[in-house]
Amino acid sequence: MMIKFYLKLVILLIIGGSASQNLTAKIAAELGDEICPIEIKRFPDGEKYIRIKGKIEEEMIIVQSTGYPQDENLIELLFLISTLKDLGAKKIRVVLPYFGYGRQEKCFKEGETISAKVVSNLIEKTGATEFISLNLHEDSLRDFFSIPTHNLSAIPVIAEYIKKNTKNPIIVGPDKGALDFTTEIANILKCESIYLSKVRISPDKVETKIVANVNDSKIDISMVEGKEVVLVDDIISTGGTIINATKILKEHGAKSVDVCFVHPVLVNDAVLKIYGAGVRNIIGTDTLTSDVSHVSVANIVANFLKK
């Protein structure tokens, strides 16, 4: 009898920042790797104190989203990167599940700060050697880095959730900007996909219609009647677009409306307002910690880190 022994030669050490500790634990469990202990506390004047207490390897991984409070979480990330570099880490892989400040990737008006570029430069110049994120608001954000960058997709795990929890759904984008997400999910689930668009009827009248499916052919809004509809997007912040879309879908006979998205920013009372519009379920991922973070991206990140 031949007995095979499998030995993991490299144990990676993972550090979880304050904003992503639950996700860090799940990623470490998927990889069978160790979590490096850190100490984080606050001085009386509000400044943060960070100490890395574990053993440092040549290759380290940091997992830290930079959602609210953005400035605080970003500073913590930069402190961790710099400290690892000072302690001798040669390869520092930064996993930024949600890229705070990532929605300002260009000047929309003269004189605006391109915040995504500033944050990218800080992360790289502080010592990151590789950058990994999920569903960046614009893939062009990667152009701000000269180190290897990767924009992973959480859509497959969202599609898996939809498959388990709906029957013969129709996937709807609340606007044309979500078309790529709806198309990707529809292709995975082999179902119909459409999006809503504002159409100007006259100078003072705007109507929202369903205008296209995955083949960009004109269709009728009546196709949502009696269907389990799933609204899909990358980020939901105030929820205004989702609320408007839900009302339209309900008016045209949707049997139910679920909302699935990657990044649950969800400011103020967005969740209450979305449910109030008639949504059945609100499902986000754990790129940010929230009450609706029911789908984990840990497997997606872990599978990438194994490569």
C-alpha atoms as a PDB file:
ATOM      1  CA  MET A   1       0.000   0.000   0.000  1.00  0.00           C
ATOM      2  CA  MET A   2       1.326   3.399  -0.998  1.00  0.00           C
ATOM      3  CA  ILE A   3       0.697   6.159   1.514  1.00  0.00           C
ATOM      4  CA  LYS A   4       0.813   9.711   0.218  1.00  0.00           C
ATOM      5  CA  PHE A   5       1.761  12.549   2.508  1.00  0.00           C
ATOM      6  CA  TYR A   6       0.765  16.087   1.641  1.00  0.00           C
ATOM      7  CA  LEU A   7       2.747  18.832   3.324  1.00  0.00           C
ATOM      8  CA  LYS A   8       1.951  22.514   3.068  1.00  0.00           C
ATOM      9  CA  LEU A   9       5.425  23.997   2.741  1.00  0.00           C
ATOM     10  CA  VAL A  10       4.520  27.654   3.149  1.00  0.00           C
ATOM     11  CA  ILE A  11       2.366  28.986   5.955  1.00  0.00           C
ATOM     12  CA  LEU A  12       1.125  32.450   5.121  1.00  0.00           C
ATOM     13  CA  LEU A  13       0.422  34.937   7.855  1.00  0.00           C
ATOM     14  CA  ILE A  14      -2.695  37.060   7.489  1.00  0.00           C
ATOM     15  CA  ILE A  15      -3.423  40.299   9.306  1.00  0.00           C
ATOM     16  CA  GLY A  16      -7.001  41.480   9.638  1.00  0.00           C
ATOM     17  CA  GLY A  17      -7.576  45.174  10.101  1.00  0.00           C
ATOM     18  CA  SER A  18     -10.386  46.492  12.277  1.00  0.00           C
ATOM     19  CA  ALA A  19     -12.786  46.782   9.337  1.00  0.00           C
ATOM     20  CA  SER A  20     -12.394  43.209   8.066  1.00  0.00           C
ATOM     21  CA  GLN A  21     -11.703  40.889  10.973  1.00  0.00           C
ATOM     22  CA  ASN A  22     -14.582  38.459  10.350  1.00  0.00           C
ATOM     23  CA  LEU A  23     -13.713  38.168   6.666  1.00  0.00           C
ATOM     24  CA  THR A  24     -10.044  37.707   7.553  1.00  0.00           C
ATOM     25  CA  ALA A  25     -10.899  34.784   9.829  1.00  0.00           C
ATOM     26  CA  LYS A  26     -12.935  33.131   7.061  1.00  0.00           C
ATOM     27  CA  ILE A  27     -10.147  33.586   4.505  1.00  0.00           C
ATOM     28  CA  ALA A  28      -7.580  32.143   6.915  1.00  0.00           C
ATOM     29  CA  ALA A  29      -9.847  29.152   7.567  1.00  0.00           C
ATOM     30  CA  GLU A  30     -10.228  28.562   3.823  1.00  0.00           C
ATOM     31  CA  LEU A  31      -6.462  28.658   3.363  1.00  0.00           C
ATOM     32  CA  GLY A  32      -5.532  26.808   6.545  1.00  0.00           C
ATOM     33  CA  ASP A  33      -3.236  29.696   7.372  1.00  0.00           C
ATOM     34  CA  GLU A  34      -2.506  31.594  10.536  1.00  0.00           C
ATOM     35  CA  ILE A  35      -3.804  34.970  11.654  1.00  0.00           C
ATOM     36  CA  CYS A  36      -1.076  37.277  12.888  1.00  0.00           C
ATOM     37  CA  PRO A  37      -2.150  38.929  16.168  1.00  0.00           C
ATOM     38  CA  ILE A  38      -2.136  42.701  16.346  1.00  0.00           C
ATOM     39  CA  GLU A  39      -2.929  45.226  19.035  1.00  0.00           C
ATOM     40  CA  ILE A  40      -4.970  48.281  18.144  1.00  0.00           C
ATOM     41  CA  LYS A  41      -5.938  50.927  20.647  1.00  0.00           C
ATOM     42  CA  ARG A  42      -6.616  54.628  20.763  1.00  0.00           C
ATOM     43  CA  PHE A  43      -4.698  57.347  22.589  1.00  0.00           C
ATOM     44  CA  PRO A  44      -6.701  59.857  24.654  1.00  0.00           C
ATOM     45  CA  ASP A  45      -6.468  62.417  21.833  1.00  0.00           C
ATOM     46  CA  GLY A  46      -8.018  59.969  19.347  1.00  0.00           C
ATOM     47  CA  GLU A  47      -4.855  58.890  17.523  1.00  0.00           C
ATOM     48  CA  LYS A  48      -4.445  55.170  16.843  1.00  0.00           C
ATOM     49  CA  TYR A  49      -1.784  52.918  18.263  1.00  0.00           C
ATOM     50  CA  ILE A  50      -0.952  49.776  16.285  1.00  0.00           C
ATOM     51  CA  ARG A  51       1.441  47.001  17.210  1.00  0.00           C
ATOM     52  CA  ILE A  52       2.020  43.789  15.269  1.00  0.00           C
ATOM     53  CA  LYS A  53       2.585  41.124  17.898  1.00  0.00           C
ATOM     54  CA  GLY A  54       3.089  37.982  15.825  1.00  0.00           C
ATOM     55  CA  LYS A  55       6.036  36.552  13.985  1.00  0.00           C
ATOM     56  CA  ILE A  56       6.694  38.190  10.627  1.00  0.00           C
ATOM     57  CA  GLU A  57       7.292  36.118   7.505  1.00  0.00           C
ATOM     58  CA  GLU A  58       8.775  37.323   4.230  1.00  0.00           C
ATOM     59  CA  GLU A  59       5.295  37.173   2.676  1.00  0.00           C
ATOM     60  CA  MET A  60       2.392  38.765   4.536  1.00  0.00           C
ATOM     61  CA  ILE A  61      -1.262  39.418   3.671  1.00  0.00           C
ATOM     62  CA  ILE A  62      -3.328  42.318   4.992  1.00  0.00           C
ATOM     63  CA  VAL A  63      -7.123  42.316   4.698  1.00  0.00           C
ATOM     64  CA  GLN A  64      -8.702  45.699   5.385  1.00  0.00           C
ATOM     65  CA  SER A  65     -11.657  47.458   3.774  1.00  0.00           C
ATOM     66  CA  THR A  66     -11.652  51.234   3.720  1.00  0.00           C
ATOM     67  CA  GLY A  67     -15.352  51.882   4.151  1.00  0.00           C
ATOM     68  CA  TYR A  68     -16.802  54.156   6.836  1.00  0.00           C
ATOM     69  CA  PRO A  69     -14.991  55.628   8.708  1.00  0.00           C
ATOM     70  CA  GLN A  70     -12.874  55.863   5.565  1.00  0.00           C
ATOM     71  CA  ASP A  71     -10.044  58.041   6.865  1.00  0.00           C
ATOM     72  CA  GLU A  72      -9.585  55.969  10.009  1.00  0.00           C
ATOM     73  CA  ASN A  73      -9.570  52.627   8.195  1.00  0.00           C
ATOM     74  CA  LEU A  74      -7.211  53.932   5.510  1.00  0.00           C
ATOM     75  CA  ILE A  75      -4.714  55.239   8.071  1.00  0.00           C
ATOM     76  CA  GLU A  76      -4.822  51.893   9.873  1.00  0.00           C
ATOM     77  CA  LEU A  77      -4.097  50.085   6.598  1.00  0.00           C
ATOM     78  CA  LEU A  78      -1.138  52.363   5.849  1.00  0.00           C
ATOM     79  CA  PHE A  79       0.246  51.877   9.380  1.00  0.00           C
ATOM     80  CA  LEU A  80       0.049  48.093   8.968  1.00  0.00           C
ATOM     81  CA  ILE A  81       1.784  48.145   5.580  1.00  0.00           C
ATOM     82  CA  SER A  82       4.572  50.428   6.808  1.00  0.00           C
ATOM     83  CA  THR A  83       5.141  48.405   9.986  1.00  0.00           C
ATOM     84  CA  LEU A  84       5.373  45.129   8.079  1.00  0.00           C
ATOM     85  CA  LYS A  85       7.921  46.673   5.745  1.00  0.00           C
ATOM     86  CA  ASP A  86       9.952  47.970   8.706  1.00  0.00           C
ATOM     87  CA  LEU A  87       9.853  44.498  10.284  1.00  0.00           C
ATOM     88  CA  GLY A  88      11.340  42.888   7.189  1.00  0.00           C
ATOM     89  CA  ALA A  89       8.413  41.616   5.122  1.00  0.00           C
ATOM     90  CA  LYS A  90       9.502  41.406   1.493  1.00  0.00           C
ATOM     91  CA  LYS A  91       6.108  40.746  -0.076  1.00  0.00           C
ATOM     92  CA  ILE A  92       3.054  42.560   1.268  1.00  0.00           C
ATOM     93  CA  ARG A  93      -0.189  41.558  -0.440  1.00  0.00           C
ATOM     94  CA  VAL A  94      -2.973  44.013   0.338  1.00  0.00           C
ATOM     95  CA  VAL A  95      -6.534  42.725   0.052  1.00  0.00           C
ATOM     96  CA  LEU A  96      -8.892  45.701  -0.038  1.00  0.00           C
ATOM     97  CA  PRO A  97     -12.355  44.103  -0.239  1.00  0.00           C
ATOM     98  CA  TYR A  98     -13.991  47.518  -0.603  1.00  0.00           C
ATOM     99  CA  PHE A  99     -12.022  50.457  -2.002  1.00  0.00           C
ATOM    100  CA  GLY A 100     -13.087  53.574  -0.121  1.00  0.00           C
ATOM    101  CA  TYR A 101     -12.609  56.769  -2.175  1.00  0.00           C
ATOM    102  CA  GLY A 102     -12.702  54.567  -5.292  1.00  0.00           C
ATOM    103  CA  ARG A 103     -15.700  56.306  -6.870  1.00  0.00           C
ATOM    104  CA  GLN A 104     -13.740  59.464  -7.737  1.00  0.00           C
ATOM    105  CA  GLU A 105     -11.381  58.065 -10.386  1.00  0.00           C
ATOM    106  CA  LYS A 106     -11.402  61.161 -12.608  1.00  0.00           C
ATOM    107  CA  CYS A 107     -12.250  64.847 -12.584  1.00  0.00           C
ATOM    108  CA  PHE A 108     -15.928  65.375 -13.237  1.00  0.00           C
ATOM    109  CA  LYS A 109     -15.566  69.111 -12.572  1.00  0.00           C
ATOM    110  CA  GLU A 110     -12.489  71.299 -12.822  1.00  0.00           C
ATOM    111  CA  GLY A 111     -10.456  71.409  -9.629  1.00  0.00           C
ATOM    112  CA  GLU A 112     -11.696  68.150  -8.112  1.00  0.00           C
ATOM    113  CA  THR A 113      -9.324  65.827  -6.262  1.00  0.00           C
ATOM    114  CA  ILE A 114      -8.942  62.419  -7.903  1.00  0.00           C
ATOM    115  CA  SER A 115      -9.216  60.642  -4.570  1.00  0.00           C
ATOM    116  CA  ALA A 116      -8.809  57.136  -6.014  1.00  0.00           C
ATOM    117  CA  LYS A 117      -5.398  58.091  -7.398  1.00  0.00           C
ATOM    118  CA  VAL A 118      -4.261  59.606  -4.096  1.00  0.00           C
ATOM    119  CA  VAL A 119      -5.289  56.515  -2.115  1.00  0.00           C
ATOM    120  CA  SER A 120      -3.704  54.154  -4.666  1.00  0.00           C
ATOM    121  CA  ASN A 121      -0.426  56.060  -4.525  1.00  0.00           C
ATOM    122  CA  LEU A 122      -0.416  55.989  -0.724  1.00  0.00           C
ATOM    123  CA  ILE A 123      -0.970  52.220  -0.601  1.00  0.00           C
ATOM    124  CA  GLU A 124       1.803  51.509  -3.096  1.00  0.00           C
ATOM    125  CA  LYS A 125       4.362  54.011  -1.822  1.00  0.00           C
ATOM    126  CA  THR A 126       3.864  52.873   1.783  1.00  0.00           C
ATOM    127  CA  GLY A 127       5.097  49.418   0.789  1.00  0.00           C
ATOM    128  CA  ALA A 128       2.396  47.221  -0.751  1.00  0.00           C
ATOM    129  CA  THR A 129       3.802  44.887  -3.394  1.00  0.00           C
ATOM    130  CA  GLU A 130       0.475  43.536  -4.681  1.00  0.00           C
ATOM    131  CA  PHE A 131      -3.071  44.921  -4.610  1.00  0.00           C
ATOM    132  CA  ILE A 132      -6.244  42.814  -4.631  1.00  0.00           C
ATOM    133  CA  SER A 133      -9.801  44.140  -4.531  1.00  0.00           C
ATOM    134  CA  LEU A 134     -13.323  43.075  -5.455  1.00  0.00           C
ATOM    135  CA  ASN A 135     -15.645  44.694  -7.972  1.00  0.00           C
ATOM    136  CA  LEU A 136     -13.884  48.016  -8.195  1.00  0.00           C
ATOM    137  CA  HIS A 137     -16.311  50.757  -9.182  1.00  0.00           C
ATOM    138  CA  GLU A 138     -14.200  51.221 -12.323  1.00  0.00           C
ATOM    139  CA  ASP A 139     -11.573  48.732 -13.481  1.00  0.00           C
ATOM    140  CA  SER A 140      -9.505  51.722 -14.633  1.00  0.00           C
ATOM    141  CA  LEU A 141      -8.569  52.253 -10.957  1.00  0.00           C
ATOM    142  CA  ARG A 142      -5.916  49.610 -11.528  1.00  0.00           C
ATOM    143  CA  ASP A 143      -4.077  52.044 -13.806  1.00  0.00           C
ATOM    144  CA  PHE A 144      -3.102  54.137 -10.793  1.00  0.00           C
ATOM    145  CA  PHE A 145      -0.829  51.308  -9.570  1.00  0.00           C
ATOM    146  CA  SER A 146       2.499  50.124 -10.960  1.00  0.00           C
ATOM    147  CA  ILE A 147       2.477  47.007  -8.747  1.00  0.00           C
ATOM    148  CA  PRO A 148       0.434  43.918  -9.763  1.00  0.00           C
ATOM    149  CA  THR A 149      -3.284  44.599  -9.249  1.00  0.00           C
ATOM    150  CA  HIS A 150      -6.299  42.285  -9.406  1.00  0.00           C
ATOM    151  CA  ASN A 151     -10.000  43.086  -9.578  1.00  0.00           C
ATOM    152  CA  LEU A 152     -11.844  39.966  -8.421  1.00  0.00           C
ATOM    153  CA  SER A 153     -15.574  39.422  -8.929  1.00  0.00           C
ATOM    154  CA  ALA A 154     -18.050  38.526  -6.203  1.00  0.00           C
ATOM    155  CA  ILE A 155     -20.740  37.882  -8.809  1.00  0.00           C
ATOM    156  CA  PRO A 156     -20.331  34.052  -8.804  1.00  0.00           C
ATOM    157  CA  VAL A 157     -21.179  33.774  -5.077  1.00  0.00           C
ATOM    158  CA  ILE A 158     -24.103  36.166  -5.521  1.00  0.00           C
ATOM    159  CA  ALA A 159     -25.326  34.034  -8.431  1.00  0.00           C
ATOM    160  CA  GLU A 160     -25.049  30.941  -6.231  1.00  0.00           C
ATOM    161  CA  TYR A 161     -27.207  32.606  -3.580  1.00  0.00           C
ATOM    162  CA  ILE A 162     -29.835  33.581  -6.158  1.00  0.00           C
ATOM    163  CA  LYS A 163     -29.900  30.046  -7.552  1.00  0.00           C
ATOM    164  CA  LYS A 164     -30.558  28.578  -4.105  1.00  0.00           C
ATOM    165  CA  ASN A 165     -33.186  31.090  -3.043  1.00  0.00           C
ATOM    166  CA  THR A 166     -35.267  31.929  -6.120  1.00  0.00           C
ATOM    167  CA  LYS A 167     -37.124  30.011  -8.799  1.00  0.00           C
ATOM    168  CA  ASN A 168     -36.854  31.048 -12.438  1.00  0.00           C
ATOM    169  CA  PRO A 169     -35.779  34.630 -11.594  1.00  0.00           C
ATOM    170  CA  ILE A 170     -35.304  37.551 -13.920  1.00  0.00           C
ATOM    171  CA  ILE A 171     -32.180  39.605 -13.235  1.00  0.00           C
ATOM    172  CA  VAL A 172     -32.614  43.375 -13.437  1.00  0.00           C
ATOM    173  CA  GLY A 173     -30.091  46.189 -13.366  1.00  0.00           C
ATOM    174  CA  PRO A 174     -31.428  49.379 -11.742  1.00  0.00           C
ATOM    175  CA  ASP A 175     -29.607  51.372 -14.454  1.00  0.00           C
ATOM    176  CA  LYS A 176     -27.338  50.784 -17.438  1.00  0.00           C
ATOM    177  CA  GLY A 177     -24.271  50.979 -15.188  1.00  0.00           C
ATOM    178  CA  ALA A 178     -25.246  47.600 -13.697  1.00  0.00           C
ATOM    179  CA  LEU A 179     -25.558  45.887 -17.089  1.00  0.00           C
ATOM    180  CA  ASP A 180     -22.244  44.020 -16.785  1.00  0.00           C
ATOM    181  CA  PHE A 181     -23.287  42.548 -13.424  1.00  0.00           C
ATOM    182  CA  THR A 182     -26.744  41.494 -14.608  1.00  0.00           C
ATOM    183  CA  THR A 183     -25.306  39.959 -17.762  1.00  0.00           C
ATOM    184  CA  GLU A 184     -22.691  37.976 -15.825  1.00  0.00           C
ATOM    185  CA  ILE A 185     -25.280  36.581 -13.420  1.00  0.00           C
ATOM    186  CA  ALA A 186     -27.747  35.795 -16.218  1.00  0.00           C
ATOM    187  CA  ASN A 187     -25.052  33.874 -18.075  1.00  0.00           C
ATOM    188  CA  ILE A 188     -24.249  31.839 -14.959  1.00  0.00           C
ATOM    189  CA  LEU A 189     -27.903  31.099 -14.162  1.00  0.00           C
ATOM    190  CA  LYS A 190     -29.005  30.865 -17.820  1.00  0.00           C
ATOM    191  CA  CYS A 191     -31.929  33.222 -17.215  1.00  0.00           C
ATOM    192  CA  GLU A 192     -33.172  36.520 -18.613  1.00  0.00           C
ATOM    193  CA  SER A 193     -31.473  39.801 -17.804  1.00  0.00           C
ATOM    194  CA  ILE A 194     -32.672  43.352 -18.398  1.00  0.00           C
ATOM    195  CA  TYR A 195     -31.961  46.842 -17.142  1.00  0.00           C
ATOM    196  CA  LEU A 196     -33.892  50.006 -16.418  1.00  0.00           C
ATOM    197  CA  SER A 197     -33.099  53.263 -18.140  1.00  0.00           C
ATOM    198  CA  LYS A 198     -34.348  56.815 -17.968  1.00  0.00           C
ATOM    199  CA  VAL A 199     -35.808  57.926 -21.271  1.00  0.00           C
ATOM    200  CA  ARG A 200     -36.542  61.621 -21.820  1.00  0.00           C
ATOM    201  CA  ILE A 201     -39.993  61.933 -23.366  1.00  0.00           C
ATOM    202  CA  SER A 202     -40.024  65.736 -23.447  1.00  0.00           C
ATOM    203  CA  PRO A 203     -38.020  68.604 -21.917  1.00  0.00           C
ATOM    204  CA  ASP A 204     -39.991  68.293 -18.680  1.00  0.00           C
ATOM    205  CA  LYS A 205     -40.891  64.593 -18.621  1.00  0.00           C
ATOM    206  CA  VAL A 206     -38.620  61.606 -17.916  1.00  0.00           C
ATOM    207  CA  GLU A 207     -39.880  58.023 -17.978  1.00  0.00           C
ATOM    208  CA  THR A 208     -38.066  54.960 -16.685  1.00  0.00           C
ATOM    209  CA  LYS A 209     -38.381  51.897 -18.891  1.00  0.00           C
ATOM    210  CA  ILE A 210     -36.879  48.491 -19.385  1.00  0.00           C
ATOM    211  CA  VAL A 211     -35.008  49.002 -22.628  1.00  0.00           C
ATOM    212  CA  ALA A 212     -32.738  46.034 -23.259  1.00  0.00           C
ATOM    213  CA  ASN A 213     -31.789  42.493 -22.379  1.00  0.00           C
ATOM    214  CA  VAL A 214     -28.419  40.756 -22.612  1.00  0.00           C
ATOM    215  CA  ASN A 215     -28.664  40.806 -26.396  1.00  0.00           C
ATOM    216  CA  ASP A 216     -29.503  44.539 -26.366  1.00  0.00           C
ATOM    217  CA  SER A 217     -32.797  43.937 -28.135  1.00  0.00           C
ATOM    218  CA  LYS A 218     -35.885  46.012 -27.318  1.00  0.00           C
ATOM    219  CA  ILE A 219     -38.366  44.341 -25.002  1.00  0.00           C
ATOM    220  CA  ASP A 220     -41.415  45.195 -22.961  1.00  0.00           C
ATOM    221  CA  ILE A 221     -41.591  45.854 -19.226  1.00  0.00           C
ATOM    222  CA  SER A 222     -44.490  43.409 -18.951  1.00  0.00           C
ATOM    223  CA  MET A 223     -41.991  40.533 -18.935  1.00  0.00           C
ATOM    224  CA  VAL A 224     -41.454  41.113 -15.180  1.00  0.00           C
ATOM    225  CA  GLU A 225     -45.111  40.359 -14.436  1.00  0.00           C
ATOM    226  CA  GLY A 226     -45.498  37.404 -12.075  1.00  0.00           C
ATOM    227  CA  LYS A 227     -41.713  36.922 -11.844  1.00  0.00           C
ATOM    228  CA  GLU A 228     -39.296  36.765  -8.955  1.00  0.00           C
ATOM    229  CA  VAL A 229     -37.140  39.784  -9.785  1.00  0.00           C
ATOM    230  CA  VAL A 230     -33.594  40.220  -8.504  1.00  0.00           C
ATOM    231  CA  LEU A 231     -32.112  43.705  -8.677  1.00  0.00           C
ATOM    232  CA  VAL A 232     -28.317  43.511  -8.907  1.00  0.00           C
ATOM    233  CA  ASP A 233     -25.681  46.216  -8.456  1.00  0.00           C
ATOM    234  CA  ASP A 234     -22.118  46.701  -7.227  1.00  0.00           C
ATOM    235  CA  ILE A 235     -22.651  49.336  -4.515  1.00  0.00           C
ATOM    236  CA  ILE A 236     -25.739  50.512  -2.671  1.00  0.00           C
ATOM    237  CA  SER A 237     -25.265  53.679  -0.655  1.00  0.00           C
ATOM    238  CA  THR A 238     -28.430  55.728  -0.112  1.00  0.00           C
ATOM    239  CA  GLY A 239     -30.621  53.190  -1.919  1.00  0.00           C
ATOM    240  CA  GLY A 240     -32.423  55.839  -3.992  1.00  0.00           C
ATOM    241  CA  THR A 241     -31.914  54.123  -7.344  1.00  0.00           C
ATOM    242  CA  ILE A 242     -32.981  50.751  -5.931  1.00  0.00           C
ATOM    243  CA  ILE A 243     -36.106  52.248  -4.357  1.00  0.00           C
ATOM    244  CA  ASN A 244     -37.179  53.856  -7.640  1.00  0.00           C
ATOM    245  CA  ALA A 245     -36.523  50.640  -9.555  1.00  0.00           C
ATOM    246  CA  THR A 246     -38.482  48.565  -7.029  1.00  0.00           C
ATOM    247  CA  LYS A 247     -41.518  50.799  -7.275  1.00  0.00           C
ATOM    248  CA  ILE A 248     -41.534  50.512 -11.078  1.00  0.00           C
ATOM    249  CA  LEU A 249     -41.145  46.735 -11.009  1.00  0.00           C
ATOM    250  CA  LYS A 250     -43.934  46.379  -8.453  1.00  0.00           C
ATOM    251  CA  GLU A 251     -46.198  48.614 -10.526  1.00  0.00           C
ATOM    252  CA  HIS A 252     -45.660  46.292 -13.479  1.00  0.00           C
ATOM    253  CA  GLY A 253     -46.576  43.110 -11.649  1.00  0.00           C
ATOM    254  CA  ALA A 254     -43.333  41.694 -10.251  1.00  0.00           C
ATOM    255  CA  LYS A 255     -44.189  38.828  -7.909  1.00  0.00           C
ATOM    256  CA  SER A 256     -41.326  39.749  -5.590  1.00  0.00           C
ATOM    257  CA  VAL A 257     -38.205  41.908  -5.634  1.00  0.00           C
ATOM    258  CA  ASP A 258     -34.938  40.901  -4.004  1.00  0.00           C
ATOM    259  CA  VAL A 259     -31.830  43.093  -3.990  1.00  0.00           C
ATOM    260  CA  CYS A 260     -28.379  41.505  -4.294  1.00  0.00           C
ATOM    261  CA  PHE A 261     -25.198  43.548  -4.437  1.00  0.00           C
ATOM    262  CA  VAL A 262     -21.504  43.427  -3.589  1.00  0.00           C
ATOM    263  CA  HIS A 263     -20.689  46.373  -1.328  1.00  0.00           C
ATOM    264  CA  PRO A 264     -23.223  47.241   1.429  1.00  0.00           C
ATOM    265  CA  VAL A 265     -22.311  50.870   2.069  1.00  0.00           C
ATOM    266  CA  LEU A 266     -25.925  51.592   3.119  1.00  0.00           C
ATOM    267  CA  VAL A 267     -25.739  55.037   4.692  1.00  0.00           C
ATOM    268  CA  ASN A 268     -28.278  56.446   7.140  1.00  0.00           C
ATOM    269  CA  ASP A 269     -31.608  54.580   6.966  1.00  0.00           C
ATOM    270  CA  ALA A 270     -31.103  53.073   3.497  1.00  0.00           C
ATOM    271  CA  VAL A 271     -32.081  49.549   4.614  1.00  0.00           C
ATOM    272  CA  LEU A 272     -35.346  50.760   6.156  1.00  0.00           C
ATOM    273  CA  LYS A 273     -36.230  52.730   3.028  1.00  0.00           C
ATOM    274  CA  ILE A 274     -35.451  49.824   0.705  1.00  0.00           C
ATOM    275  CA  TYR A 275     -37.627  47.436   2.700  1.00  0.00           C
ATOM    276  CA  GLY A 276     -40.273  50.140   2.840  1.00  0.00           C
ATOM    277  CA  ALA A 277     -40.351  50.215  -0.965  1.00  0.00           C
ATOM    278  CA  GLY A 278     -41.473  46.575  -0.960  1.00  0.00           C
ATOM    279  CA  VAL A 279     -38.219  44.653  -1.315  1.00  0.00           C
ATOM    280  CA  ARG A 280     -38.447  41.097   0.034  1.00  0.00           C
ATOM    281  CA  ASN A 281     -34.746  40.466   0.804  1.00  0.00           C
ATOM    282  CA  ILE A 282     -31.606  42.626   0.878  1.00  0.00           C
ATOM    283  CA  ILE A 283     -28.454  40.594   0.331  1.00  0.00           C
ATOM    284  CA  GLY A 284     -24.926  42.024   0.401  1.00  0.00           C
ATOM    285  CA  THR A 285     -21.508  40.438   0.716  1.00  0.00           C
ATOM    286  CA  ASP A 286     -19.016  40.775   3.552  1.00  0.00           C
ATOM    287  CA  THR A 287     -16.635  43.106   1.715  1.00  0.00           C
ATOM    288  CA  LEU A 288     -18.088  45.466   4.303  1.00  0.00           C
ATOM    289  CA  THR A 289     -19.531  44.449   7.647  1.00  0.00           C
ATOM    290  CA  SER A 290     -23.278  45.072   7.845  1.00  0.00           C
ATOM    291  CA  ASP A 291     -26.531  43.491   8.964  1.00  0.00           C
ATOM    292  CA  VAL A 292     -27.216  42.375   5.380  1.00  0.00           C
ATOM    293  CA  SER A 293     -23.780  40.828   4.692  1.00  0.00           C
ATOM    294  CA  HIS A 294     -25.179  37.336   4.116  1.00  0.00           C
ATOM    295  CA  VAL A 295     -22.855  36.199   1.301  1.00  0.00           C
ATOM    296  CA  SER A 296     -19.139  35.740   1.926  1.00  0.00           C
ATOM    297  CA  VAL A 297     -16.359  36.471  -0.560  1.00  0.00           C
ATOM    298  CA  ALA A 298     -13.839  34.515   1.534  1.00  0.00           C
ATOM    299  CA  ASN A 299     -13.701  31.605  -0.893  1.00  0.00           C
ATOM    300  CA  ILE A 300     -13.117  33.895  -3.861  1.00  0.00           C
ATOM    301  CA  VAL A 301     -10.247  35.674  -2.137  1.00  0.00           C
ATOM    302  CA  ALA A 302      -8.752  32.468  -0.725  1.00  0.00           C
ATOM    303  CA  ASN A 303      -8.803  30.725  -4.108  1.00  0.00           C
ATOM    304  CA  PHE A 304      -6.958  33.657  -5.646  1.00  0.00           C
ATOM    305  CA  LEU A 305      -4.361  33.769  -2.858  1.00  0.00           C
ATOM    306  CA  LYS A 306      -3.655  30.058  -3.372  1.00  0.00           C
ATOM    307  CA  LYS A 307      -2.340  30.743  -6.873  1.00  0.00           C
END
